[in-house]
Amino acid sequence: MEELQELKNRMENQRPAPWEALPDLSLYMDQVIGYMPRQLIQYGEGERLTSAMVNNYIKDGLMPRAEGKRYARPHLAYLTAICALKQVLPVKDAGLLVAAQEGTAREMYAHFRDELDRALAATAEGLDPDCSDGDLSRLALTLALQSYADGLACRRIMELLREKTPKPEIKARKNKK
């Protein structure tokens, strides 16, 4: 099935830009909003990132403030991680996970990309582009149940992590390049 092969190819090959390939010039908000859809695999319109969302992430301490009105590599790294994680977690939990990573924004982003690569590769491996139309429902059921199991474990681990987090307010690490 051609569509399934296309999905498999994208999951095997499409990744967020590595740190060095992120724009090295600071961007204005409208440029950030235009850049971000390239970072993650998307189908259809879905929920688009807005300037209000970015401002809320900053206000809630999930990422550093803009440098004036300009956003640099660390901002794009945080936004990429938050946008991916908020697909399966509440935004506050996505921020908690991002903030819990050790090191600089660059190190957090490298770890995020490594984990995303593993997850996408594992799912792509289970996709059989030669499956029949009748097998699509079985494949979807398998993926849905795997998502359920992973979500169940993740929600419980997030509860444990929230219990161990000393402050209710999450502060993003300093904007280190």
C-alpha atoms as a PDB file:
ATOM      1  CA  MET A   1       0.000   0.000   0.000  1.00  0.00           C
ATOM      2  CA  GLU A   2       1.584   3.227  -1.216  1.00  0.00           C
ATOM      3  CA  GLU A   3       0.300   5.439   1.631  1.00  0.00           C
ATOM      4  CA  LEU A   4       1.670   3.071   4.264  1.00  0.00           C
ATOM      5  CA  GLN A   5       5.044   2.973   2.515  1.00  0.00           C
ATOM      6  CA  GLU A   6       5.105   6.780   2.499  1.00  0.00           C
ATOM      7  CA  LEU A   7       4.350   6.846   6.242  1.00  0.00           C
ATOM      8  CA  LYS A   8       7.040   4.254   6.917  1.00  0.00           C
ATOM      9  CA  ASN A   9       9.572   6.237   4.868  1.00  0.00           C
ATOM     10  CA  ARG A  10       8.775   9.453   6.719  1.00  0.00           C
ATOM     11  CA  MET A  11       9.031   7.719  10.095  1.00  0.00           C
ATOM     12  CA  GLU A  12      12.365   6.205   9.129  1.00  0.00           C
ATOM     13  CA  ASN A  13      13.866   9.353   7.634  1.00  0.00           C
ATOM     14  CA  GLN A  14      12.190  12.585   8.741  1.00  0.00           C
ATOM     15  CA  ARG A  15      13.660  14.069  11.894  1.00  0.00           C
ATOM     16  CA  PRO A  16      13.879  17.483  13.502  1.00  0.00           C
ATOM     17  CA  ALA A  17      16.910  19.434  12.343  1.00  0.00           C
ATOM     18  CA  PRO A  18      20.058  18.739  14.347  1.00  0.00           C
ATOM     19  CA  TRP A  19      21.263  21.598  16.563  1.00  0.00           C
ATOM     20  CA  GLU A  20      23.832  22.739  14.012  1.00  0.00           C
ATOM     21  CA  ALA A  21      21.168  22.913  11.263  1.00  0.00           C
ATOM     22  CA  LEU A  22      18.761  25.050  13.296  1.00  0.00           C
ATOM     23  CA  PRO A  23      18.836  28.654  12.093  1.00  0.00           C
ATOM     24  CA  ASP A  24      21.902  30.367  13.532  1.00  0.00           C
ATOM     25  CA  LEU A  25      20.276  33.783  13.177  1.00  0.00           C
ATOM     26  CA  SER A  26      17.667  34.833  15.701  1.00  0.00           C
ATOM     27  CA  LEU A  27      14.116  34.758  14.365  1.00  0.00           C
ATOM     28  CA  TYR A  28      11.083  36.931  14.954  1.00  0.00           C
ATOM     29  CA  MET A  29       7.895  35.271  16.205  1.00  0.00           C
ATOM     30  CA  ASP A  30       6.278  34.992  12.756  1.00  0.00           C
ATOM     31  CA  GLN A  31       9.447  33.322  11.437  1.00  0.00           C
ATOM     32  CA  VAL A  32       9.405  30.864  14.363  1.00  0.00           C
ATOM     33  CA  ILE A  33       5.757  30.023  13.666  1.00  0.00           C
ATOM     34  CA  GLY A  34       6.613  29.454   9.992  1.00  0.00           C
ATOM     35  CA  TYR A  35       9.673  27.326  10.803  1.00  0.00           C
ATOM     36  CA  MET A  36       8.199  24.963  13.382  1.00  0.00           C
ATOM     37  CA  PRO A  37       5.964  22.820  11.078  1.00  0.00           C
ATOM     38  CA  ARG A  38       9.177  21.543   9.419  1.00  0.00           C
ATOM     39  CA  GLN A  39      10.413  20.099  12.686  1.00  0.00           C
ATOM     40  CA  LEU A  40       7.892  17.278  13.218  1.00  0.00           C
ATOM     41  CA  ILE A  41       5.985  14.833  11.031  1.00  0.00           C
ATOM     42  CA  GLN A  42       2.473  16.112  10.490  1.00  0.00           C
ATOM     43  CA  TYR A  43      -0.557  14.980   8.549  1.00  0.00           C
ATOM     44  CA  GLY A  44      -3.433  17.327   7.890  1.00  0.00           C
ATOM     45  CA  GLU A  45      -3.824  20.682   9.528  1.00  0.00           C
ATOM     46  CA  GLY A  46      -3.882  19.610  13.187  1.00  0.00           C
ATOM     47  CA  GLU A  47      -3.143  22.150  15.875  1.00  0.00           C
ATOM     48  CA  ARG A  48      -0.803  24.831  14.585  1.00  0.00           C
ATOM     49  CA  LEU A  49       1.616  26.585  16.883  1.00  0.00           C
ATOM     50  CA  THR A  50       0.555  30.162  17.563  1.00  0.00           C
ATOM     51  CA  SER A  51       2.319  33.153  19.059  1.00  0.00           C
ATOM     52  CA  ALA A  52      -0.083  32.962  22.019  1.00  0.00           C
ATOM     53  CA  MET A  53       1.071  29.373  22.694  1.00  0.00           C
ATOM     54  CA  VAL A  54       4.730  30.408  22.588  1.00  0.00           C
ATOM     55  CA  ASN A  55       4.039  33.321  24.935  1.00  0.00           C
ATOM     56  CA  ASN A  56       2.199  30.989  27.328  1.00  0.00           C
ATOM     57  CA  TYR A  57       5.097  28.499  27.320  1.00  0.00           C
ATOM     58  CA  ILE A  58       7.430  31.339  28.256  1.00  0.00           C
ATOM     59  CA  LYS A  59       5.031  32.732  30.869  1.00  0.00           C
ATOM     60  CA  ASP A  60       4.651  29.260  32.413  1.00  0.00           C
ATOM     61  CA  GLY A  61       8.440  28.839  32.595  1.00  0.00           C
ATOM     62  CA  LEU A  62       8.577  25.997  30.062  1.00  0.00           C
ATOM     63  CA  MET A  63      11.171  27.779  27.947  1.00  0.00           C
ATOM     64  CA  PRO A  64      13.376  30.877  28.228  1.00  0.00           C
ATOM     65  CA  ARG A  65      12.207  34.355  27.341  1.00  0.00           C
ATOM     66  CA  ALA A  66      12.957  35.774  23.925  1.00  0.00           C
ATOM     67  CA  GLU A  67      16.088  37.856  23.519  1.00  0.00           C
ATOM     68  CA  GLY A  68      14.307  41.114  22.844  1.00  0.00           C
ATOM     69  CA  LYS A  69      11.766  39.970  20.288  1.00  0.00           C
ATOM     70  CA  ARG A  70      14.059  37.377  18.746  1.00  0.00           C
ATOM     71  CA  TYR A  71      14.246  33.642  19.226  1.00  0.00           C
ATOM     72  CA  ALA A  72      17.459  31.615  18.912  1.00  0.00           C
ATOM     73  CA  ARG A  73      18.379  27.919  18.643  1.00  0.00           C
ATOM     74  CA  PRO A  74      17.534  27.115  22.276  1.00  0.00           C
ATOM     75  CA  HIS A  75      14.004  28.449  21.760  1.00  0.00           C
ATOM     76  CA  LEU A  76      13.521  26.270  18.672  1.00  0.00           C
ATOM     77  CA  ALA A  77      14.865  23.263  20.579  1.00  0.00           C
ATOM     78  CA  TYR A  78      12.428  23.798  23.445  1.00  0.00           C
ATOM     79  CA  LEU A  79       9.530  24.401  21.090  1.00  0.00           C
ATOM     80  CA  THR A  80      10.277  21.252  19.087  1.00  0.00           C
ATOM     81  CA  ALA A  81      10.328  19.100  22.223  1.00  0.00           C
ATOM     82  CA  ILE A  82       7.220  20.730  23.709  1.00  0.00           C
ATOM     83  CA  CYS A  83       5.266  20.475  20.427  1.00  0.00           C
ATOM     84  CA  ALA A  84       6.054  16.760  20.121  1.00  0.00           C
ATOM     85  CA  LEU A  85       5.365  15.907  23.757  1.00  0.00           C
ATOM     86  CA  LYS A  86       2.132  17.897  23.975  1.00  0.00           C
ATOM     87  CA  GLN A  87       0.638  15.511  21.403  1.00  0.00           C
ATOM     88  CA  VAL A  88       0.499  12.875  24.147  1.00  0.00           C
ATOM     89  CA  LEU A  89       0.896  14.785  27.427  1.00  0.00           C
ATOM     90  CA  PRO A  90      -0.594  17.876  29.021  1.00  0.00           C
ATOM     91  CA  VAL A  91       1.603  20.901  28.255  1.00  0.00           C
ATOM     92  CA  LYS A  92       2.672  21.229  31.919  1.00  0.00           C
ATOM     93  CA  ASP A  93       3.885  17.603  31.906  1.00  0.00           C
ATOM     94  CA  ALA A  94       5.719  18.175  28.623  1.00  0.00           C
ATOM     95  CA  GLY A  95       7.448  21.125  30.266  1.00  0.00           C
ATOM     96  CA  LEU A  96       8.259  19.050  33.337  1.00  0.00           C
ATOM     97  CA  LEU A  97       9.972  16.434  31.165  1.00  0.00           C
ATOM     98  CA  VAL A  98      11.915  19.031  29.212  1.00  0.00           C
ATOM     99  CA  ALA A  99      12.999  20.849  32.386  1.00  0.00           C
ATOM    100  CA  ALA A 100      14.014  17.560  34.050  1.00  0.00           C
ATOM    101  CA  GLN A 101      16.674  16.888  31.415  1.00  0.00           C
ATOM    102  CA  GLU A 102      20.223  17.543  32.574  1.00  0.00           C
ATOM    103  CA  GLY A 103      22.556  20.006  30.915  1.00  0.00           C
ATOM    104  CA  THR A 104      22.195  22.795  28.411  1.00  0.00           C
ATOM    105  CA  ALA A 105      19.430  23.362  25.901  1.00  0.00           C
ATOM    106  CA  ARG A 106      21.709  21.808  23.285  1.00  0.00           C
ATOM    107  CA  GLU A 107      22.185  18.651  25.392  1.00  0.00           C
ATOM    108  CA  MET A 108      18.449  18.407  26.127  1.00  0.00           C
ATOM    109  CA  TYR A 109      17.716  18.703  22.414  1.00  0.00           C
ATOM    110  CA  ALA A 110      20.266  16.037  21.481  1.00  0.00           C
ATOM    111  CA  HIS A 111      18.723  13.632  24.002  1.00  0.00           C
ATOM    112  CA  PHE A 112      15.213  14.464  22.766  1.00  0.00           C
ATOM    113  CA  ARG A 113      16.237  13.792  19.145  1.00  0.00           C
ATOM    114  CA  ASP A 114      17.881  10.475  20.095  1.00  0.00           C
ATOM    115  CA  GLU A 115      14.758   9.284  21.922  1.00  0.00           C
ATOM    116  CA  LEU A 116      12.464  10.460  19.127  1.00  0.00           C
ATOM    117  CA  ASP A 117      14.646   8.667  16.585  1.00  0.00           C
ATOM    118  CA  ARG A 118      14.362   5.409  18.544  1.00  0.00           C
ATOM    119  CA  ALA A 119      10.592   5.743  18.921  1.00  0.00           C
ATOM    120  CA  LEU A 120       9.970   6.539  15.255  1.00  0.00           C
ATOM    121  CA  ALA A 121      12.294   3.764  14.067  1.00  0.00           C
ATOM    122  CA  ALA A 122      10.611   1.190  16.319  1.00  0.00           C
ATOM    123  CA  THR A 123       7.145   2.111  15.086  1.00  0.00           C
ATOM    124  CA  ALA A 124       8.260   2.218  11.443  1.00  0.00           C
ATOM    125  CA  GLU A 125       9.717  -1.265  11.815  1.00  0.00           C
ATOM    126  CA  GLY A 126       6.244  -2.595  12.660  1.00  0.00           C
ATOM    127  CA  LEU A 127       4.635  -1.085   9.574  1.00  0.00           C
ATOM    128  CA  ASP A 128       4.157  -3.516   6.711  1.00  0.00           C
ATOM    129  CA  PRO A 129       3.528  -1.589   3.487  1.00  0.00           C
ATOM    130  CA  ASP A 130       2.397  -4.837   1.837  1.00  0.00           C
ATOM    131  CA  CYS A 131      -0.490  -5.388   4.240  1.00  0.00           C
ATOM    132  CA  SER A 132      -3.933  -5.673   2.716  1.00  0.00           C
ATOM    133  CA  ASP A 133      -6.765  -3.232   3.297  1.00  0.00           C
ATOM    134  CA  GLY A 134      -8.273  -5.814   5.632  1.00  0.00           C
ATOM    135  CA  ASP A 135      -5.121  -5.836   7.762  1.00  0.00           C
ATOM    136  CA  LEU A 136      -5.193  -2.069   8.286  1.00  0.00           C
ATOM    137  CA  SER A 137      -7.681  -2.362  11.149  1.00  0.00           C
ATOM    138  CA  ARG A 138      -5.480  -4.970  12.868  1.00  0.00           C
ATOM    139  CA  LEU A 139      -2.423  -2.790  12.440  1.00  0.00           C
ATOM    140  CA  ALA A 140      -4.314   0.241  13.801  1.00  0.00           C
ATOM    141  CA  LEU A 141      -5.528  -1.848  16.776  1.00  0.00           C
ATOM    142  CA  THR A 142      -1.986  -3.003  17.523  1.00  0.00           C
ATOM    143  CA  LEU A 143      -0.682   0.573  17.385  1.00  0.00           C
ATOM    144  CA  ALA A 144      -3.584   1.873  19.490  1.00  0.00           C
ATOM    145  CA  LEU A 145      -3.028  -0.752  22.180  1.00  0.00           C
ATOM    146  CA  GLN A 146       0.702  -0.064  22.211  1.00  0.00           C
ATOM    147  CA  SER A 147      -0.136   3.630  22.651  1.00  0.00           C
ATOM    148  CA  TYR A 148      -2.505   2.720  25.492  1.00  0.00           C
ATOM    149  CA  ALA A 149       0.142   0.643  27.263  1.00  0.00           C
ATOM    150  CA  ASP A 150       2.844   3.270  26.751  1.00  0.00           C
ATOM    151  CA  GLY A 151       0.447   6.029  27.868  1.00  0.00           C
ATOM    152  CA  LEU A 152      -0.535   4.099  30.985  1.00  0.00           C
ATOM    153  CA  ALA A 153       3.111   3.666  31.981  1.00  0.00           C
ATOM    154  CA  CYS A 154       3.945   7.277  31.106  1.00  0.00           C
ATOM    155  CA  ARG A 155       1.040   8.711  33.131  1.00  0.00           C
ATOM    156  CA  ARG A 156       2.094   6.725  36.204  1.00  0.00           C
ATOM    157  CA  ILE A 157       5.736   7.730  35.821  1.00  0.00           C
ATOM    158  CA  MET A 158       4.680  11.365  35.406  1.00  0.00           C
ATOM    159  CA  GLU A 159       2.752  11.100  38.690  1.00  0.00           C
ATOM    160  CA  LEU A 160       5.909   9.819  40.373  1.00  0.00           C
ATOM    161  CA  LEU A 161       8.001  12.558  38.778  1.00  0.00           C
ATOM    162  CA  ARG A 162       5.562  15.278  39.885  1.00  0.00           C
ATOM    163  CA  GLU A 163       5.707  13.899  43.441  1.00  0.00           C
ATOM    164  CA  LYS A 164       9.503  14.143  43.395  1.00  0.00           C
ATOM    165  CA  THR A 165       9.659  17.614  41.836  1.00  0.00           C
ATOM    166  CA  PRO A 166      10.364  20.027  44.706  1.00  0.00           C
ATOM    167  CA  LYS A 167       8.718  23.113  43.195  1.00  0.00           C
ATOM    168  CA  PRO A 168       5.325  23.262  41.455  1.00  0.00           C
ATOM    169  CA  GLU A 169       6.709  25.918  39.097  1.00  0.00           C
ATOM    170  CA  ILE A 170       9.049  24.596  36.426  1.00  0.00           C
ATOM    171  CA  LYS A 171      11.877  26.892  35.430  1.00  0.00           C
ATOM    172  CA  ALA A 172      13.508  26.460  32.037  1.00  0.00           C
ATOM    173  CA  ARG A 173      17.305  26.301  32.135  1.00  0.00           C
ATOM    174  CA  LYS A 174      19.219  29.375  31.122  1.00  0.00           C
ATOM    175  CA  ASN A 175      19.377  30.155  27.465  1.00  0.00           C
ATOM    176  CA  LYS A 176      22.809  28.637  26.757  1.00  0.00           C
ATOM    177  CA  LYS A 177      23.949  28.226  23.209  1.00  0.00           C
END
